[in-house]
Amino acid sequence: MATRAIRTFILISIIAMLSFPIYAWDETGHKITAYIAWQRMTPETRDKVFKILLAAPEDSQIGAYYLHYGSRSEESRKREFFMMIATWPDIIKDKNLATRFKKYSNSNWHYADSFWTWKNGKAEMVESTDKNGLAMDKLAEFNQLIRGDASDTDKAVAIAWLEHLIGDIHQPLHTSGKVTDSNPKGDQGGNLFFLTPKGTPRAQQENLHSFWDSIVAQNVPNAKDQCDADYLDPIADEIIKLYPYSKLESKIAADKFDVWQKESLTIATTDIYKDVKFFQLPSEKYRKQAFSISEERLALAGYRMADLFNEVFGKPAAAK
């Protein structure tokens, strides 16, 4: 009975995931990372970042996500605005919003894949002349932009992308392209590793990448249809409790984006493909392990984001 309940839960989760577009860490993951960052950002940093984001180009519609009115406190509204902006680079993928899509959306900015394959029982890197994804380039570019004399208008777009890309690069499959006989050019970060039964219509297929993107909601579903503050904040607070800054401080590696990428790639090549098979749903054990790994990745992304913004716009926060 328990096994049947587990299978039913996973199947329901997959059906739910198929009802909307899946991106790198879904909306839930990106907002949790931004929440963790906000909690560590100093008041001075929060204020400067908030003001810069409101100076964003009008056609980006970034400023429109801040609610200037409502019964909630101004601090809560500012925090939720910051959290929402972490998802802006995914929101602008909507081709129906043509002006915003054409000017700001860049699909190959969201990942930076390294190619590898299994050989003699271990992962071995595969040399490639292709540059598969520009996430690392853009992280470096936007990091330099916010430190210079660019206008607040330009810095606002850079901050929005940094919020998102820092989250993306901590999703292990955004750094990985596994090469196999069936996928000689890589599996596109697990997008070509299908988990639904063979023969499932393409529109209904589930893959390893989207499984990891949505891992938070799979383990802690929003069963009561709660608002973000009631649903996401407690999850993020629990991650902070489990992984306080002091516990991860030695791993922060401030501004060393290559270190962050290599961490994710190591997870992809050692953990993600273990105990999963084509055309089969992952086990309950695998799902829990994936969530545990992701909790630490989300925490690191949040702390690293906060430390970067504190360095540029305010004073570093004390470890705690």
Protein backbone atom coordinates (compact mmCIF):
# COMPACT_ATOMS: atom_id res chain seq x y z
CA MET A 1 0.00 0.00 0.00
CA ALA A 2 2.82 2.38 0.91
CA THR A 3 4.59 1.63 -2.38
CA ARG A 4 1.41 2.31 -4.33
CA ALA A 5 0.95 5.63 -2.49
CA ILE A 6 4.51 6.66 -3.31
CA ARG A 7 4.06 5.82 -6.99
CA THR A 8 0.77 7.71 -7.05
CA PHE A 9 2.39 10.76 -5.45
CA ILE A 10 5.25 10.80 -7.96
CA LEU A 11 2.85 10.33 -10.88
CA ILE A 12 0.67 13.21 -9.68
CA SER A 13 3.76 15.38 -9.30
CA ILE A 14 4.83 14.62 -12.86
CA ILE A 15 1.38 15.34 -14.27
CA ALA A 16 1.40 18.66 -12.42
CA MET A 17 4.84 19.49 -13.80
CA LEU A 18 3.68 18.82 -17.33
CA SER A 19 0.96 21.46 -17.03
CA PHE A 20 3.38 24.38 -17.18
CA PRO A 21 6.81 25.14 -18.71
CA ILE A 22 9.79 23.85 -16.73
CA TYR A 23 12.96 25.87 -16.42
CA ALA A 24 16.14 25.73 -14.38
CA TRP A 25 15.15 25.35 -10.77
CA ASP A 26 11.49 26.15 -11.27
CA GLU A 27 9.89 29.28 -9.83
CA THR A 28 9.93 27.72 -6.38
CA GLY A 29 13.67 27.05 -6.40
CA HIS A 30 14.64 30.48 -7.71
CA LYS A 31 12.45 32.29 -5.19
CA ILE A 32 13.85 30.23 -2.31
CA THR A 33 17.41 31.13 -3.31
CA ALA A 34 16.45 34.82 -3.50
CA TYR A 35 14.75 34.62 -0.10
CA ILE A 36 17.89 33.13 1.45
CA ALA A 37 19.97 35.87 -0.19
CA TRP A 38 17.62 38.60 1.09
CA GLN A 39 17.89 37.32 4.66
CA ARG A 40 21.67 37.65 4.51
CA MET A 41 21.81 40.97 2.66
CA THR A 42 22.38 43.99 4.88
CA PRO A 43 19.67 46.68 5.12
CA GLU A 44 21.92 49.02 3.13
CA THR A 45 22.33 46.44 0.35
CA ARG A 46 18.62 45.67 0.25
CA ASP A 47 17.77 49.34 -0.09
CA LYS A 48 20.27 49.97 -2.90
CA VAL A 49 19.31 46.85 -4.86
CA PHE A 50 15.63 47.66 -4.50
CA LYS A 51 16.06 51.22 -5.77
CA ILE A 52 18.18 50.08 -8.70
CA LEU A 53 15.62 47.46 -9.72
CA LEU A 54 12.90 50.13 -9.78
CA ALA A 55 15.08 52.06 -12.26
CA ALA A 56 14.92 49.21 -14.78
CA PRO A 57 13.94 49.99 -18.39
CA GLU A 58 10.19 50.37 -18.69
CA ASP A 59 9.94 47.82 -21.50
CA SER A 60 11.57 45.20 -19.28
CA GLN A 61 8.57 45.52 -16.93
CA ILE A 62 10.83 44.68 -13.99
CA GLY A 63 9.53 47.58 -11.90
CA ALA A 64 5.94 46.51 -12.52
CA TYR A 65 6.41 43.49 -10.25
CA TYR A 66 6.69 45.67 -7.15
CA LEU A 67 3.35 46.22 -5.42
CA HIS A 68 3.30 49.79 -4.12
CA TYR A 69 0.17 49.16 -2.08
CA GLY A 70 -1.41 46.43 0.01
CA SER A 71 -1.94 45.32 3.58
CA ARG A 72 1.49 43.69 3.91
CA SER A 73 4.46 45.59 5.31
CA GLU A 74 6.76 47.46 2.96
CA GLU A 75 9.63 45.17 3.95
CA SER A 76 7.61 42.08 3.00
CA ARG A 77 6.62 43.60 -0.33
CA LYS A 78 10.24 44.50 -1.09
CA ARG A 79 11.41 40.99 -0.24
CA GLU A 80 8.76 39.36 -2.43
CA PHE A 81 9.64 41.77 -5.25
CA PHE A 82 13.29 40.69 -5.01
CA MET A 83 12.19 37.05 -5.01
CA MET A 84 9.99 37.54 -8.06
CA ILE A 85 12.79 39.20 -10.03
CA ALA A 86 14.87 36.02 -9.64
CA THR A 87 12.33 34.44 -12.02
CA TRP A 88 12.22 37.34 -14.51
CA PRO A 89 14.68 35.75 -17.00
CA ASP A 90 12.28 32.81 -17.25
CA ILE A 91 9.15 34.96 -17.41
CA ILE A 92 10.51 36.79 -20.46
CA LYS A 93 10.72 33.51 -22.39
CA ASP A 94 7.04 34.02 -23.23
CA LYS A 95 7.06 34.68 -26.98
CA ASN A 96 3.57 36.17 -26.79
CA LEU A 97 5.12 39.22 -25.12
CA ALA A 98 7.08 39.99 -28.25
CA THR A 99 8.82 43.27 -27.32
CA ARG A 100 10.14 41.99 -24.01
CA PHE A 101 11.02 38.58 -25.45
CA LYS A 102 12.98 39.90 -28.44
CA LYS A 103 14.95 42.47 -26.45
CA TYR A 104 15.74 40.61 -23.24
CA SER A 105 15.29 36.84 -23.59
CA ASN A 106 18.38 34.74 -24.26
CA SER A 107 17.87 31.01 -23.90
CA ASN A 108 21.55 30.05 -24.07
CA TRP A 109 22.45 32.27 -21.11
CA HIS A 110 20.86 29.86 -18.63
CA TYR A 111 23.44 27.05 -18.71
CA ALA A 112 27.11 26.26 -19.29
CA ASP A 113 27.47 22.56 -20.11
CA SER A 114 30.67 20.57 -19.95
CA PHE A 115 30.67 17.29 -21.87
CA TRP A 116 31.52 13.98 -20.23
CA THR A 117 30.93 10.26 -20.57
CA TRP A 118 31.21 7.06 -18.55
CA LYS A 119 34.41 5.16 -19.28
CA ASN A 120 35.84 2.27 -17.29
CA GLY A 121 33.34 2.85 -14.52
CA LYS A 122 34.00 6.57 -14.00
CA ALA A 123 33.23 9.95 -15.50
CA GLU A 124 35.67 11.20 -18.12
CA MET A 125 35.56 14.63 -19.71
CA VAL A 126 35.01 14.84 -23.47
CA GLU A 127 36.87 17.49 -25.43
CA SER A 128 34.60 19.70 -27.51
CA THR A 129 35.05 22.80 -29.62
CA ASP A 130 31.44 23.78 -29.00
CA LYS A 131 30.65 26.39 -26.36
CA ASN A 132 27.41 25.03 -25.02
CA GLY A 133 25.80 27.83 -23.04
CA LEU A 134 26.94 31.29 -21.96
CA ALA A 135 25.98 31.31 -18.27
CA MET A 136 29.58 31.65 -17.09
CA ASP A 137 30.35 34.45 -19.53
CA LYS A 138 27.25 36.37 -18.49
CA LEU A 139 27.90 35.91 -14.77
CA ALA A 140 31.34 37.47 -15.25
CA GLU A 141 29.97 40.24 -17.48
CA PHE A 142 27.13 41.27 -15.16
CA ASN A 143 29.38 41.01 -12.13
CA GLN A 144 31.71 43.57 -13.68
CA LEU A 145 28.84 45.75 -14.88
CA ILE A 146 27.32 46.30 -11.43
CA ARG A 147 30.76 47.21 -10.07
CA GLY A 148 31.36 49.92 -12.67
CA ASP A 149 29.86 53.26 -13.60
CA ALA A 150 26.98 51.90 -15.69
CA SER A 151 23.58 53.52 -15.26
CA ASP A 152 21.10 52.14 -12.74
CA THR A 153 18.93 51.25 -15.73
CA ASP A 154 21.58 48.84 -16.99
CA LYS A 155 22.47 47.65 -13.51
CA ALA A 156 18.83 46.70 -12.87
CA VAL A 157 18.81 44.24 -15.76
CA ALA A 158 22.20 42.91 -14.66
CA ILE A 159 20.96 42.34 -11.09
CA ALA A 160 17.89 40.49 -12.39
CA TRP A 161 20.09 38.22 -14.48
CA LEU A 162 22.58 37.68 -11.65
CA GLU A 163 19.77 36.65 -9.31
CA HIS A 164 18.68 34.08 -11.85
CA LEU A 165 22.00 32.83 -13.20
CA ILE A 166 23.51 32.29 -9.77
CA GLY A 167 20.56 30.02 -9.11
CA ASP A 168 20.88 28.31 -12.49
CA ILE A 169 24.56 27.47 -12.13
CA HIS A 170 23.82 25.72 -8.82
CA GLN A 171 21.39 23.33 -10.52
CA PRO A 172 23.84 20.53 -11.38
CA LEU A 173 22.27 19.68 -14.72
CA HIS A 174 22.84 23.25 -15.94
CA THR A 175 26.53 22.43 -16.16
CA SER A 176 26.34 18.95 -17.65
CA GLY A 177 26.09 17.30 -21.05
CA LYS A 178 26.40 13.52 -20.74
CA VAL A 179 27.63 11.92 -23.95
CA THR A 180 26.37 8.45 -24.88
CA ASP A 181 25.97 6.41 -28.05
CA SER A 182 22.35 7.57 -28.31
CA ASN A 183 23.28 11.19 -27.50
CA PRO A 184 26.73 11.75 -29.06
CA LYS A 185 26.36 15.53 -28.68
CA GLY A 186 25.31 15.29 -25.05
CA ASP A 187 21.94 14.81 -23.37
CA GLN A 188 21.30 18.55 -22.95
CA GLY A 189 21.57 18.51 -19.19
CA GLY A 190 19.32 15.49 -18.80
CA ASN A 191 16.59 16.88 -21.06
CA LEU A 192 17.08 13.84 -23.33
CA PHE A 193 17.08 11.37 -20.44
CA PHE A 194 13.42 10.40 -20.42
CA LEU A 195 11.71 9.06 -17.31
CA THR A 196 8.24 8.39 -18.69
CA PRO A 197 7.48 5.05 -20.42
CA LYS A 198 8.82 4.49 -23.91
CA GLY A 199 6.36 5.68 -26.51
CA THR A 200 4.91 8.47 -24.35
CA PRO A 201 3.83 11.37 -26.62
CA ARG A 202 6.50 14.07 -26.73
CA ALA A 203 4.24 16.68 -25.12
CA GLN A 204 3.79 14.39 -22.12
CA GLN A 205 7.36 13.18 -21.70
CA GLU A 206 9.13 13.76 -18.41
CA ASN A 207 12.91 13.94 -18.19
CA LEU A 208 15.70 13.98 -15.63
CA HIS A 209 16.30 17.72 -16.00
CA SER A 210 12.76 18.77 -15.15
CA PHE A 211 12.70 16.22 -12.32
CA TRP A 212 15.58 18.08 -10.66
CA ASP A 213 14.21 21.52 -11.52
CA SER A 214 11.02 20.79 -9.60
CA ILE A 215 12.52 18.77 -6.76
CA VAL A 216 11.37 21.14 -4.00
CA ALA A 217 7.71 21.03 -4.99
CA GLN A 218 7.92 17.26 -5.39
CA ASN A 219 9.11 16.83 -1.81
CA VAL A 220 7.13 19.68 -0.23
CA PRO A 221 4.06 20.14 -2.45
CA ASN A 222 1.89 23.22 -2.03
CA ALA A 223 -1.10 21.05 -1.21
CA LYS A 224 -3.05 23.90 0.43
CA ASP A 225 -2.57 26.28 -2.51
CA GLN A 226 -0.86 28.79 -0.21
CA CYS A 227 0.59 32.15 -1.20
CA ASP A 228 4.38 32.43 -1.51
CA ALA A 229 4.85 33.85 2.00
CA ASP A 230 3.00 30.94 3.61
CA TYR A 231 4.44 28.25 1.35
CA LEU A 232 7.97 29.28 0.35
CA ASP A 233 9.20 31.22 3.38
CA PRO A 234 8.97 28.26 5.82
CA ILE A 235 10.76 25.99 3.32
CA ALA A 236 13.55 28.53 2.92
CA ASP A 237 13.76 29.09 6.68
CA GLU A 238 14.11 25.33 7.18
CA ILE A 239 16.94 25.21 4.63
CA ILE A 240 18.68 28.11 6.43
CA LYS A 241 18.30 26.22 9.71
CA LEU A 242 19.68 23.04 8.16
CA TYR A 243 22.50 24.87 6.36
CA PRO A 244 23.35 28.08 8.26
CA TYR A 245 25.94 30.37 6.71
CA SER A 246 28.51 29.37 9.33
CA LYS A 247 28.23 25.73 8.24
CA LEU A 248 28.89 26.57 4.57
CA GLU A 249 31.22 29.54 5.01
CA SER A 250 34.33 27.56 4.05
CA LYS A 251 32.70 26.69 0.71
CA ILE A 252 31.52 30.17 -0.30
CA ALA A 253 34.42 30.94 -2.70
CA ALA A 254 33.18 34.47 -3.33
CA ASP A 255 32.98 35.47 -7.00
CA LYS A 256 34.71 32.25 -8.08
CA PHE A 257 32.06 31.28 -10.56
CA ASP A 258 34.22 28.51 -12.00
CA VAL A 259 34.32 26.84 -8.58
CA TRP A 260 30.54 27.00 -8.33
CA GLN A 261 30.20 25.45 -11.78
CA LYS A 262 32.66 22.65 -11.01
CA GLU A 263 30.76 21.80 -7.83
CA SER A 264 27.59 21.33 -9.84
CA LEU A 265 29.36 19.32 -12.53
CA THR A 266 30.85 17.02 -9.90
CA ILE A 267 27.37 16.33 -8.53
CA ALA A 268 26.09 15.67 -12.05
CA THR A 269 28.87 13.18 -12.79
CA THR A 270 28.79 11.36 -9.45
CA ASP A 271 25.23 11.43 -8.09
CA ILE A 272 22.54 12.40 -10.56
CA TYR A 273 22.76 9.43 -12.93
CA LYS A 274 23.10 6.84 -10.20
CA ASP A 275 20.11 4.55 -9.72
CA VAL A 276 18.03 6.06 -12.52
CA LYS A 277 17.05 4.32 -15.73
CA PHE A 278 15.59 5.40 -19.04
CA PHE A 279 11.79 5.28 -19.17
CA GLN A 280 11.43 4.64 -15.43
CA LEU A 281 10.37 6.99 -12.65
CA PRO A 282 13.04 7.55 -9.99
CA SER A 283 12.56 5.78 -6.69
CA GLU A 284 11.40 7.40 -3.46
CA LYS A 285 14.94 7.04 -2.11
CA TYR A 286 16.38 8.83 -5.14
CA ARG A 287 13.84 11.65 -4.83
CA LYS A 288 14.75 12.25 -1.19
CA GLN A 289 18.49 12.21 -1.96
CA ALA A 290 17.96 14.68 -4.80
CA PHE A 291 16.09 16.99 -2.43
CA SER A 292 18.85 16.79 0.17
CA ILE A 293 21.50 17.69 -2.41
CA SER A 294 19.33 20.51 -3.73
CA GLU A 295 18.77 22.03 -0.31
CA GLU A 296 22.49 22.63 0.09
CA ARG A 297 22.80 23.94 -3.47
CA LEU A 298 19.94 26.41 -2.90
CA ALA A 299 21.50 27.58 0.36
CA LEU A 300 24.93 28.08 -1.22
CA ALA A 301 23.40 29.97 -4.14
CA GLY A 302 21.54 32.27 -1.76
CA TYR A 303 24.54 32.99 0.44
CA ARG A 304 26.82 33.56 -2.52
CA MET A 305 24.31 35.92 -4.11
CA ALA A 306 24.00 37.88 -0.89
CA ASP A 307 27.75 38.14 -0.37
CA LEU A 308 28.22 39.40 -3.92
CA PHE A 309 25.55 42.09 -3.54
CA ASN A 310 26.78 43.03 -0.05
CA GLU A 311 30.30 43.50 -1.39
CA VAL A 312 29.13 45.71 -4.23
CA PHE A 313 26.27 47.65 -2.64
CA GLY A 314 26.79 47.52 1.11
CA LYS A 315 28.77 46.01 3.92
CA PRO A 316 29.44 42.29 4.36
CA ALA A 317 27.08 40.60 6.81
CA ALA A 318 28.41 38.84 9.89
CA ALA A 319 28.50 35.05 9.77
CA LYS A 320 25.77 33.32 11.76
